Amino acid sequence: LRVYEMTQNPVAREMIGYLLVRGGVHAAAYGKALESLTGVEMTKLLPIPRIDNSKFPEARKYMEQGFHKNLYRFSPSDYQDLGLIWNGASPEDGSPVVVVDGPPQGGPVFDLGHDAAEFAPEFHPGELYEIAKKLYEKAK
């Protein structure tokens, strides 16, 4: 929130708006897990600050798209019991929360090709094997 307040850059604010919403999901999931384990309503036990994401235009649109209620399970074979914790109402607006199998839909992934500046100059991947082989022999 502090970084959001410190910048007027529209790209930074867009990213921060998304992160405020998604970070809220993770905080809510931790709270729901603690409530499931202890039976204690965490919002009554701890002085948790209430940050209303809908007050930020960049976050509001992600709220309207329902990103505040989705918890993504990237691997269908993992976390099979996630629905035991992530259920009920969203603390944001009371809408039902949802476990979604698979990653969220995003923008296009661009193939930017090879950029030599991203790698060590004059490095050839085939040389790595030779270097490792020499080091292995010296270590014997």
N, C-alpha and C. Protein backbone atom coordinates (compact mmCIF):
# COMPACT_ATOMS: atom_id res chain seq x y z
N LEU A 1 0.82 -1.18 0.00
CA LEU A 1 0.00 0.00 0.00
C LEU A 1 0.88 1.26 0.00
N ARG A 2 1.95 1.19 0.76
CA ARG A 2 2.84 2.36 0.83
C ARG A 2 3.49 2.63 -0.52
N VAL A 3 3.90 1.60 -1.24
CA VAL A 3 4.51 1.80 -2.56
C VAL A 3 3.48 2.39 -3.51
N TYR A 4 2.25 1.92 -3.43
CA TYR A 4 1.18 2.47 -4.26
C TYR A 4 1.06 3.97 -4.04
N GLU A 5 1.07 4.37 -2.77
CA GLU A 5 0.93 5.78 -2.43
C GLU A 5 2.13 6.61 -2.88
N MET A 6 3.30 5.97 -3.01
CA MET A 6 4.52 6.71 -3.34
C MET A 6 4.70 6.93 -4.83
N THR A 7 3.91 6.27 -5.67
CA THR A 7 4.14 6.40 -7.10
C THR A 7 2.88 6.86 -7.82
N GLN A 8 3.10 7.54 -8.91
CA GLN A 8 2.01 7.92 -9.81
C GLN A 8 2.13 7.17 -11.13
N ASN A 9 3.18 6.33 -11.24
CA ASN A 9 3.42 5.59 -12.47
C ASN A 9 2.25 4.63 -12.72
N PRO A 10 1.58 4.75 -13.87
CA PRO A 10 0.39 3.91 -14.10
C PRO A 10 0.70 2.42 -14.20
N VAL A 11 1.86 2.07 -14.72
CA VAL A 11 2.22 0.65 -14.82
C VAL A 11 2.48 0.08 -13.43
N ALA A 12 3.20 0.82 -12.60
CA ALA A 12 3.47 0.38 -11.23
C ALA A 12 2.17 0.25 -10.45
N ARG A 13 1.29 1.22 -10.61
CA ARG A 13 0.02 1.16 -9.88
C ARG A 13 -0.86 0.01 -10.36
N GLU A 14 -0.80 -0.30 -11.63
CA GLU A 14 -1.56 -1.45 -12.16
C GLU A 14 -1.07 -2.75 -11.52
N MET A 15 0.25 -2.92 -11.49
CA MET A 15 0.83 -4.12 -10.89
C MET A 15 0.50 -4.19 -9.40
N ILE A 16 0.63 -3.08 -8.71
CA ILE A 16 0.37 -3.06 -7.28
C ILE A 16 -1.10 -3.33 -7.00
N GLY A 17 -1.98 -2.81 -7.84
CA GLY A 17 -3.41 -3.07 -7.68
C GLY A 17 -3.70 -4.56 -7.74
N TYR A 18 -3.09 -5.23 -8.71
CA TYR A 18 -3.26 -6.69 -8.83
C TYR A 18 -2.70 -7.39 -7.59
N LEU A 19 -1.51 -6.98 -7.16
CA LEU A 19 -0.87 -7.63 -6.01
C LEU A 19 -1.64 -7.38 -4.71
N LEU A 20 -2.27 -6.23 -4.57
CA LEU A 20 -3.10 -5.99 -3.38
C LEU A 20 -4.24 -7.00 -3.32
N VAL A 21 -4.87 -7.22 -4.46
CA VAL A 21 -5.99 -8.16 -4.50
C VAL A 21 -5.51 -9.58 -4.25
N ARG A 22 -4.49 -10.01 -4.97
CA ARG A 22 -4.02 -11.39 -4.83
C ARG A 22 -3.38 -11.63 -3.47
N GLY A 23 -2.68 -10.63 -2.94
CA GLY A 23 -2.11 -10.76 -1.59
C GLY A 23 -3.20 -10.89 -0.55
N GLY A 24 -4.32 -10.21 -0.76
CA GLY A 24 -5.46 -10.33 0.14
C GLY A 24 -6.02 -11.74 0.15
N VAL A 25 -6.01 -12.39 -1.01
CA VAL A 25 -6.48 -13.78 -1.11
C VAL A 25 -5.61 -14.67 -0.23
N HIS A 26 -4.31 -14.50 -0.31
CA HIS A 26 -3.40 -15.35 0.45
C HIS A 26 -3.53 -15.07 1.95
N ALA A 27 -3.68 -13.81 2.32
CA ALA A 27 -3.88 -13.49 3.74
C ALA A 27 -5.19 -14.11 4.24
N ALA A 28 -6.23 -14.04 3.42
CA ALA A 28 -7.52 -14.63 3.81
C ALA A 28 -7.40 -16.15 3.92
N ALA A 29 -6.64 -16.77 3.02
CA ALA A 29 -6.45 -18.23 3.07
C ALA A 29 -5.72 -18.63 4.35
N TYR A 30 -4.71 -17.87 4.74
CA TYR A 30 -4.01 -18.17 5.99
C TYR A 30 -4.97 -18.03 7.17
N GLY A 31 -5.77 -16.97 7.16
CA GLY A 31 -6.73 -16.77 8.23
C GLY A 31 -7.75 -17.90 8.30
N LYS A 32 -8.26 -18.33 7.14
CA LYS A 32 -9.21 -19.44 7.10
C LYS A 32 -8.56 -20.74 7.60
N ALA A 33 -7.30 -20.94 7.25
CA ALA A 33 -6.59 -22.15 7.72
C ALA A 33 -6.46 -22.12 9.24
N LEU A 34 -6.07 -20.98 9.80
CA LEU A 34 -5.95 -20.86 11.25
C LEU A 34 -7.30 -21.05 11.94
N GLU A 35 -8.35 -20.50 11.34
CA GLU A 35 -9.68 -20.67 11.91
C GLU A 35 -10.10 -22.14 11.88
N SER A 36 -9.76 -22.84 10.78
CA SER A 36 -10.10 -24.26 10.67
C SER A 36 -9.35 -25.09 11.72
N LEU A 37 -8.09 -24.74 11.95
CA LEU A 37 -7.28 -25.49 12.89
C LEU A 37 -7.62 -25.21 14.35
N THR A 38 -7.95 -23.95 14.65
CA THR A 38 -8.14 -23.57 16.05
C THR A 38 -9.59 -23.36 16.45
N GLY A 39 -10.44 -23.09 15.47
CA GLY A 39 -11.83 -22.77 15.78
C GLY A 39 -12.02 -21.34 16.23
N VAL A 40 -10.95 -20.55 16.21
CA VAL A 40 -11.00 -19.16 16.65
C VAL A 40 -11.18 -18.26 15.43
N GLU A 41 -12.13 -17.34 15.52
CA GLU A 41 -12.32 -16.38 14.43
C GLU A 41 -11.20 -15.34 14.50
N MET A 42 -10.28 -15.43 13.54
CA MET A 42 -9.05 -14.65 13.60
C MET A 42 -9.29 -13.14 13.58
N THR A 43 -10.30 -12.68 12.89
CA THR A 43 -10.55 -11.24 12.83
C THR A 43 -10.96 -10.68 14.20
N LYS A 44 -11.47 -11.54 15.08
CA LYS A 44 -11.82 -11.10 16.43
C LYS A 44 -10.65 -11.23 17.39
N LEU A 45 -9.70 -12.12 17.07
CA LEU A 45 -8.56 -12.36 17.95
C LEU A 45 -7.44 -11.35 17.73
N LEU A 46 -7.17 -11.02 16.46
CA LEU A 46 -6.05 -10.15 16.12
C LEU A 46 -6.54 -8.82 15.56
N PRO A 47 -5.82 -7.75 15.85
CA PRO A 47 -6.20 -6.45 15.28
C PRO A 47 -5.71 -6.34 13.82
N ILE A 48 -6.43 -6.99 12.91
CA ILE A 48 -6.04 -7.03 11.51
C ILE A 48 -6.55 -5.76 10.82
N PRO A 49 -5.64 -4.99 10.20
CA PRO A 49 -6.10 -3.77 9.52
C PRO A 49 -7.01 -4.11 8.35
N ARG A 50 -8.02 -3.32 8.15
CA ARG A 50 -8.98 -3.54 7.06
C ARG A 50 -8.63 -2.58 5.93
N ILE A 51 -8.05 -3.11 4.86
CA ILE A 51 -7.70 -2.31 3.68
C ILE A 51 -8.72 -2.66 2.61
N ASP A 52 -9.56 -1.72 2.27
CA ASP A 52 -10.60 -1.94 1.28
C ASP A 52 -10.02 -1.74 -0.12
N ASN A 53 -9.72 -2.85 -0.78
CA ASN A 53 -9.11 -2.78 -2.11
C ASN A 53 -9.99 -2.07 -3.14
N SER A 54 -11.28 -2.07 -2.93
CA SER A 54 -12.17 -1.44 -3.91
C SER A 54 -12.01 0.08 -3.97
N LYS A 55 -11.28 0.64 -3.01
CA LYS A 55 -11.03 2.08 -3.03
C LYS A 55 -9.93 2.47 -4.01
N PHE A 56 -9.19 1.48 -4.50
CA PHE A 56 -8.11 1.74 -5.44
C PHE A 56 -8.59 1.34 -6.84
N PRO A 57 -8.63 2.27 -7.78
CA PRO A 57 -9.16 1.95 -9.11
C PRO A 57 -8.45 0.77 -9.77
N GLU A 58 -7.14 0.68 -9.59
CA GLU A 58 -6.38 -0.40 -10.22
C GLU A 58 -6.70 -1.75 -9.59
N ALA A 59 -7.07 -1.77 -8.33
CA ALA A 59 -7.44 -3.02 -7.66
C ALA A 59 -8.92 -3.33 -7.86
N ARG A 60 -9.73 -2.29 -7.95
CA ARG A 60 -11.18 -2.49 -8.07
C ARG A 60 -11.55 -3.34 -9.27
N LYS A 61 -10.87 -3.12 -10.39
CA LYS A 61 -11.23 -3.89 -11.60
C LYS A 61 -10.91 -5.37 -11.43
N TYR A 62 -9.87 -5.70 -10.66
CA TYR A 62 -9.56 -7.11 -10.40
C TYR A 62 -10.58 -7.70 -9.43
N MET A 63 -11.09 -6.88 -8.52
CA MET A 63 -12.15 -7.33 -7.62
C MET A 63 -13.41 -7.62 -8.45
N GLU A 64 -13.72 -6.74 -9.38
CA GLU A 64 -14.91 -6.92 -10.22
C GLU A 64 -14.80 -8.19 -11.08
N GLN A 65 -13.58 -8.58 -11.42
CA GLN A 65 -13.36 -9.80 -12.20
C GLN A 65 -13.33 -11.05 -11.32
N GLY A 66 -13.42 -10.87 -10.01
CA GLY A 66 -13.48 -12.01 -9.09
C GLY A 66 -12.14 -12.57 -8.66
N PHE A 67 -11.04 -11.86 -8.92
CA PHE A 67 -9.73 -12.35 -8.53
C PHE A 67 -9.55 -12.44 -7.02
N HIS A 68 -10.39 -11.76 -6.25
CA HIS A 68 -10.28 -11.77 -4.79
C HIS A 68 -10.87 -13.03 -4.17
N LYS A 69 -11.58 -13.82 -4.96
CA LYS A 69 -12.20 -15.02 -4.37
C LYS A 69 -11.62 -16.32 -4.89
N ASN A 70 -10.71 -16.25 -5.86
CA ASN A 70 -10.13 -17.46 -6.45
C ASN A 70 -8.80 -17.82 -5.79
N LEU A 71 -8.69 -19.08 -5.38
CA LEU A 71 -7.41 -19.62 -4.92
C LEU A 71 -7.03 -20.70 -5.93
N TYR A 72 -5.90 -20.52 -6.58
CA TYR A 72 -5.51 -21.38 -7.70
C TYR A 72 -4.71 -22.58 -7.22
N ARG A 73 -5.08 -23.73 -7.75
CA ARG A 73 -4.35 -24.98 -7.50
C ARG A 73 -3.67 -25.30 -8.83
N PHE A 74 -2.37 -25.05 -8.90
CA PHE A 74 -1.64 -25.19 -10.16
C PHE A 74 -1.49 -26.63 -10.59
N SER A 75 -1.47 -27.54 -9.64
CA SER A 75 -1.34 -28.96 -9.96
C SER A 75 -2.59 -29.68 -9.47
N PRO A 76 -3.37 -30.26 -10.38
CA PRO A 76 -4.60 -30.95 -9.96
C PRO A 76 -4.36 -32.11 -9.00
N SER A 77 -3.13 -32.65 -8.98
CA SER A 77 -2.86 -33.78 -8.09
C SER A 77 -2.39 -33.34 -6.70
N ASP A 78 -2.12 -32.07 -6.52
CA ASP A 78 -1.66 -31.57 -5.22
C ASP A 78 -2.80 -30.84 -4.49
N TYR A 79 -2.66 -30.74 -3.19
CA TYR A 79 -3.55 -29.95 -2.35
C TYR A 79 -5.02 -30.31 -2.58
N GLN A 80 -5.30 -31.60 -2.59
CA GLN A 80 -6.65 -32.07 -2.83
C GLN A 80 -7.64 -31.60 -1.77
N ASP A 81 -7.18 -31.33 -0.57
CA ASP A 81 -8.07 -30.91 0.50
C ASP A 81 -8.18 -29.40 0.64
N LEU A 82 -7.71 -28.67 -0.33
CA LEU A 82 -7.73 -27.21 -0.28
C LEU A 82 -9.14 -26.66 -0.06
N GLY A 83 -10.13 -27.33 -0.64
CA GLY A 83 -11.50 -26.89 -0.49
C GLY A 83 -12.03 -27.01 0.93
N LEU A 84 -11.35 -27.79 1.77
CA LEU A 84 -11.76 -27.88 3.18
C LEU A 84 -11.48 -26.58 3.93
N ILE A 85 -10.50 -25.83 3.43
CA ILE A 85 -10.13 -24.56 4.06
C ILE A 85 -10.69 -23.39 3.27
N TRP A 86 -10.47 -23.42 1.96
CA TRP A 86 -10.90 -22.30 1.12
C TRP A 86 -12.35 -22.54 0.70
N ASN A 87 -13.25 -22.15 1.59
CA ASN A 87 -14.68 -22.29 1.32
C ASN A 87 -15.39 -21.20 2.09
N GLY A 88 -16.67 -21.07 1.84
CA GLY A 88 -17.44 -20.06 2.54
C GLY A 88 -17.39 -18.73 1.83
N ALA A 89 -17.45 -17.66 2.61
CA ALA A 89 -17.54 -16.31 2.06
C ALA A 89 -16.18 -15.62 2.05
N SER A 90 -15.99 -14.79 1.03
CA SER A 90 -14.79 -13.96 0.96
C SER A 90 -14.90 -12.86 2.00
N PRO A 91 -13.82 -12.61 2.75
CA PRO A 91 -13.88 -11.52 3.72
C PRO A 91 -13.98 -10.15 3.05
N GLU A 92 -13.67 -10.09 1.77
CA GLU A 92 -13.73 -8.81 1.05
C GLU A 92 -15.16 -8.33 0.84
N ASP A 93 -16.01 -9.24 0.32
CA ASP A 93 -17.35 -8.80 -0.04
C ASP A 93 -18.44 -9.82 0.25
N GLY A 94 -18.07 -10.93 0.89
CA GLY A 94 -19.06 -11.93 1.23
C GLY A 94 -19.43 -12.89 0.11
N SER A 95 -18.83 -12.72 -1.08
CA SER A 95 -19.12 -13.63 -2.18
C SER A 95 -18.45 -14.98 -1.92
N PRO A 96 -19.00 -16.07 -2.49
CA PRO A 96 -18.40 -17.39 -2.23
C PRO A 96 -17.01 -17.50 -2.84
N VAL A 97 -16.10 -18.10 -2.07
CA VAL A 97 -14.74 -18.30 -2.57
C VAL A 97 -14.69 -19.59 -3.39
N VAL A 98 -13.69 -19.68 -4.29
CA VAL A 98 -13.62 -20.79 -5.24
C VAL A 98 -12.19 -21.30 -5.36
N VAL A 99 -12.03 -22.61 -5.36
CA VAL A 99 -10.74 -23.23 -5.68
C VAL A 99 -10.75 -23.48 -7.19
N VAL A 100 -9.74 -22.95 -7.88
CA VAL A 100 -9.66 -23.07 -9.34
C VAL A 100 -8.49 -23.97 -9.70
N ASP A 101 -8.77 -25.03 -10.46
CA ASP A 101 -7.69 -25.90 -10.93
C ASP A 101 -7.00 -25.27 -12.13
N GLY A 102 -5.68 -25.12 -12.03
CA GLY A 102 -4.90 -24.53 -13.12
C GLY A 102 -4.58 -23.08 -12.83
N PRO A 103 -3.63 -22.55 -13.58
CA PRO A 103 -3.21 -21.16 -13.35
C PRO A 103 -4.25 -20.17 -13.88
N PRO A 104 -4.19 -18.93 -13.41
CA PRO A 104 -5.10 -17.92 -13.94
C PRO A 104 -4.76 -17.61 -15.40
N GLN A 105 -5.76 -17.19 -16.13
CA GLN A 105 -5.53 -16.79 -17.51
C GLN A 105 -4.76 -15.47 -17.51
N GLY A 106 -3.76 -15.40 -18.33
CA GLY A 106 -2.95 -14.19 -18.38
C GLY A 106 -2.86 -13.66 -19.79
N GLY A 107 -1.96 -12.75 -19.96
CA GLY A 107 -1.75 -12.16 -21.28
C GLY A 107 -0.89 -13.08 -22.13
N PRO A 108 -0.65 -12.66 -23.36
CA PRO A 108 0.15 -13.48 -24.27
C PRO A 108 1.61 -13.56 -23.79
N VAL A 109 2.23 -14.69 -24.08
CA VAL A 109 3.65 -14.88 -23.77
C VAL A 109 4.41 -14.68 -25.08
N PHE A 110 5.31 -13.76 -25.06
CA PHE A 110 6.04 -13.42 -26.27
C PHE A 110 7.36 -14.17 -26.33
N ASP A 111 7.70 -14.67 -27.51
CA ASP A 111 9.01 -15.28 -27.73
C ASP A 111 9.94 -14.18 -28.18
N LEU A 112 10.78 -13.74 -27.28
CA LEU A 112 11.67 -12.62 -27.57
C LEU A 112 12.98 -13.06 -28.20
N GLY A 113 13.12 -14.37 -28.40
CA GLY A 113 14.34 -14.84 -29.05
C GLY A 113 15.53 -14.79 -28.13
N HIS A 114 16.68 -15.02 -28.71
CA HIS A 114 17.94 -15.06 -27.96
C HIS A 114 18.54 -13.66 -27.89
N ASP A 115 18.99 -13.29 -26.72
CA ASP A 115 19.68 -12.02 -26.55
C ASP A 115 21.02 -12.32 -25.90
N ALA A 116 22.08 -12.17 -26.66
CA ALA A 116 23.42 -12.51 -26.17
C ALA A 116 23.79 -11.75 -24.90
N ALA A 117 23.24 -10.56 -24.72
CA ALA A 117 23.57 -9.77 -23.54
C ALA A 117 23.07 -10.41 -22.25
N GLU A 118 22.14 -11.36 -22.33
CA GLU A 118 21.62 -12.02 -21.14
C GLU A 118 22.59 -13.06 -20.59
N PHE A 119 23.61 -13.40 -21.35
CA PHE A 119 24.52 -14.47 -20.98
C PHE A 119 25.94 -13.94 -20.87
N ALA A 120 26.81 -14.74 -20.25
CA ALA A 120 28.21 -14.35 -20.12
C ALA A 120 28.81 -14.19 -21.52
N PRO A 121 29.57 -13.14 -21.73
CA PRO A 121 30.14 -12.95 -23.07
C PRO A 121 31.09 -14.09 -23.45
N GLU A 122 31.02 -14.47 -24.68
CA GLU A 122 31.90 -15.49 -25.25
C GLU A 122 31.72 -16.86 -24.60
N PHE A 123 30.63 -17.08 -23.92
CA PHE A 123 30.38 -18.38 -23.31
C PHE A 123 29.65 -19.26 -24.30
N HIS A 124 30.12 -20.47 -24.43
CA HIS A 124 29.48 -21.45 -25.31
C HIS A 124 29.05 -22.62 -24.43
N PRO A 125 27.76 -22.96 -24.43
CA PRO A 125 27.25 -23.99 -23.52
C PRO A 125 28.01 -25.32 -23.59
N GLY A 126 28.53 -25.68 -24.75
CA GLY A 126 29.27 -26.94 -24.87
C GLY A 126 30.53 -26.95 -24.04
N GLU A 127 31.07 -25.78 -23.74
CA GLU A 127 32.29 -25.68 -22.94
C GLU A 127 32.04 -26.05 -21.48
N LEU A 128 30.80 -25.92 -21.04
CA LEU A 128 30.47 -26.20 -19.65
C LEU A 128 30.81 -27.64 -19.29
N TYR A 129 30.52 -28.56 -20.17
CA TYR A 129 30.82 -29.97 -19.92
C TYR A 129 32.33 -30.16 -19.75
N GLU A 130 33.11 -29.55 -20.60
CA GLU A 130 34.57 -29.68 -20.53
C GLU A 130 35.10 -29.08 -19.23
N ILE A 131 34.56 -27.94 -18.81
CA ILE A 131 34.99 -27.31 -17.57
C ILE A 131 34.65 -28.22 -16.38
N ALA A 132 33.43 -28.75 -16.36
CA ALA A 132 33.02 -29.64 -15.28
C ALA A 132 33.88 -30.89 -15.24
N LYS A 133 34.21 -31.42 -16.40
CA LYS A 133 35.03 -32.63 -16.48
C LYS A 133 36.42 -32.36 -15.90
N LYS A 134 37.04 -31.23 -16.23
CA LYS A 134 38.34 -30.87 -15.70
C LYS A 134 38.30 -30.70 -14.19
N LEU A 135 37.26 -30.03 -13.69
CA LEU A 135 37.13 -29.83 -12.25
C LEU A 135 36.96 -31.15 -11.52
N TYR A 136 36.20 -32.06 -12.12
CA TYR A 136 35.97 -33.37 -11.53
C TYR A 136 37.28 -34.14 -11.44
N GLU A 137 38.06 -34.11 -12.51
CA GLU A 137 39.34 -34.83 -12.52
C GLU A 137 40.31 -34.28 -11.49
N LYS A 138 40.34 -32.95 -11.32
CA LYS A 138 41.24 -32.33 -10.33
C LYS A 138 40.79 -32.64 -8.90
N ALA A 139 39.49 -32.85 -8.71
CA ALA A 139 38.97 -33.12 -7.37
C ALA A 139 39.25 -34.54 -6.89
N LYS A 140 39.59 -35.45 -7.79
CA LYS A 140 39.83 -36.85 -7.41
C LYS A 140 41.02 -37.01 -6.53
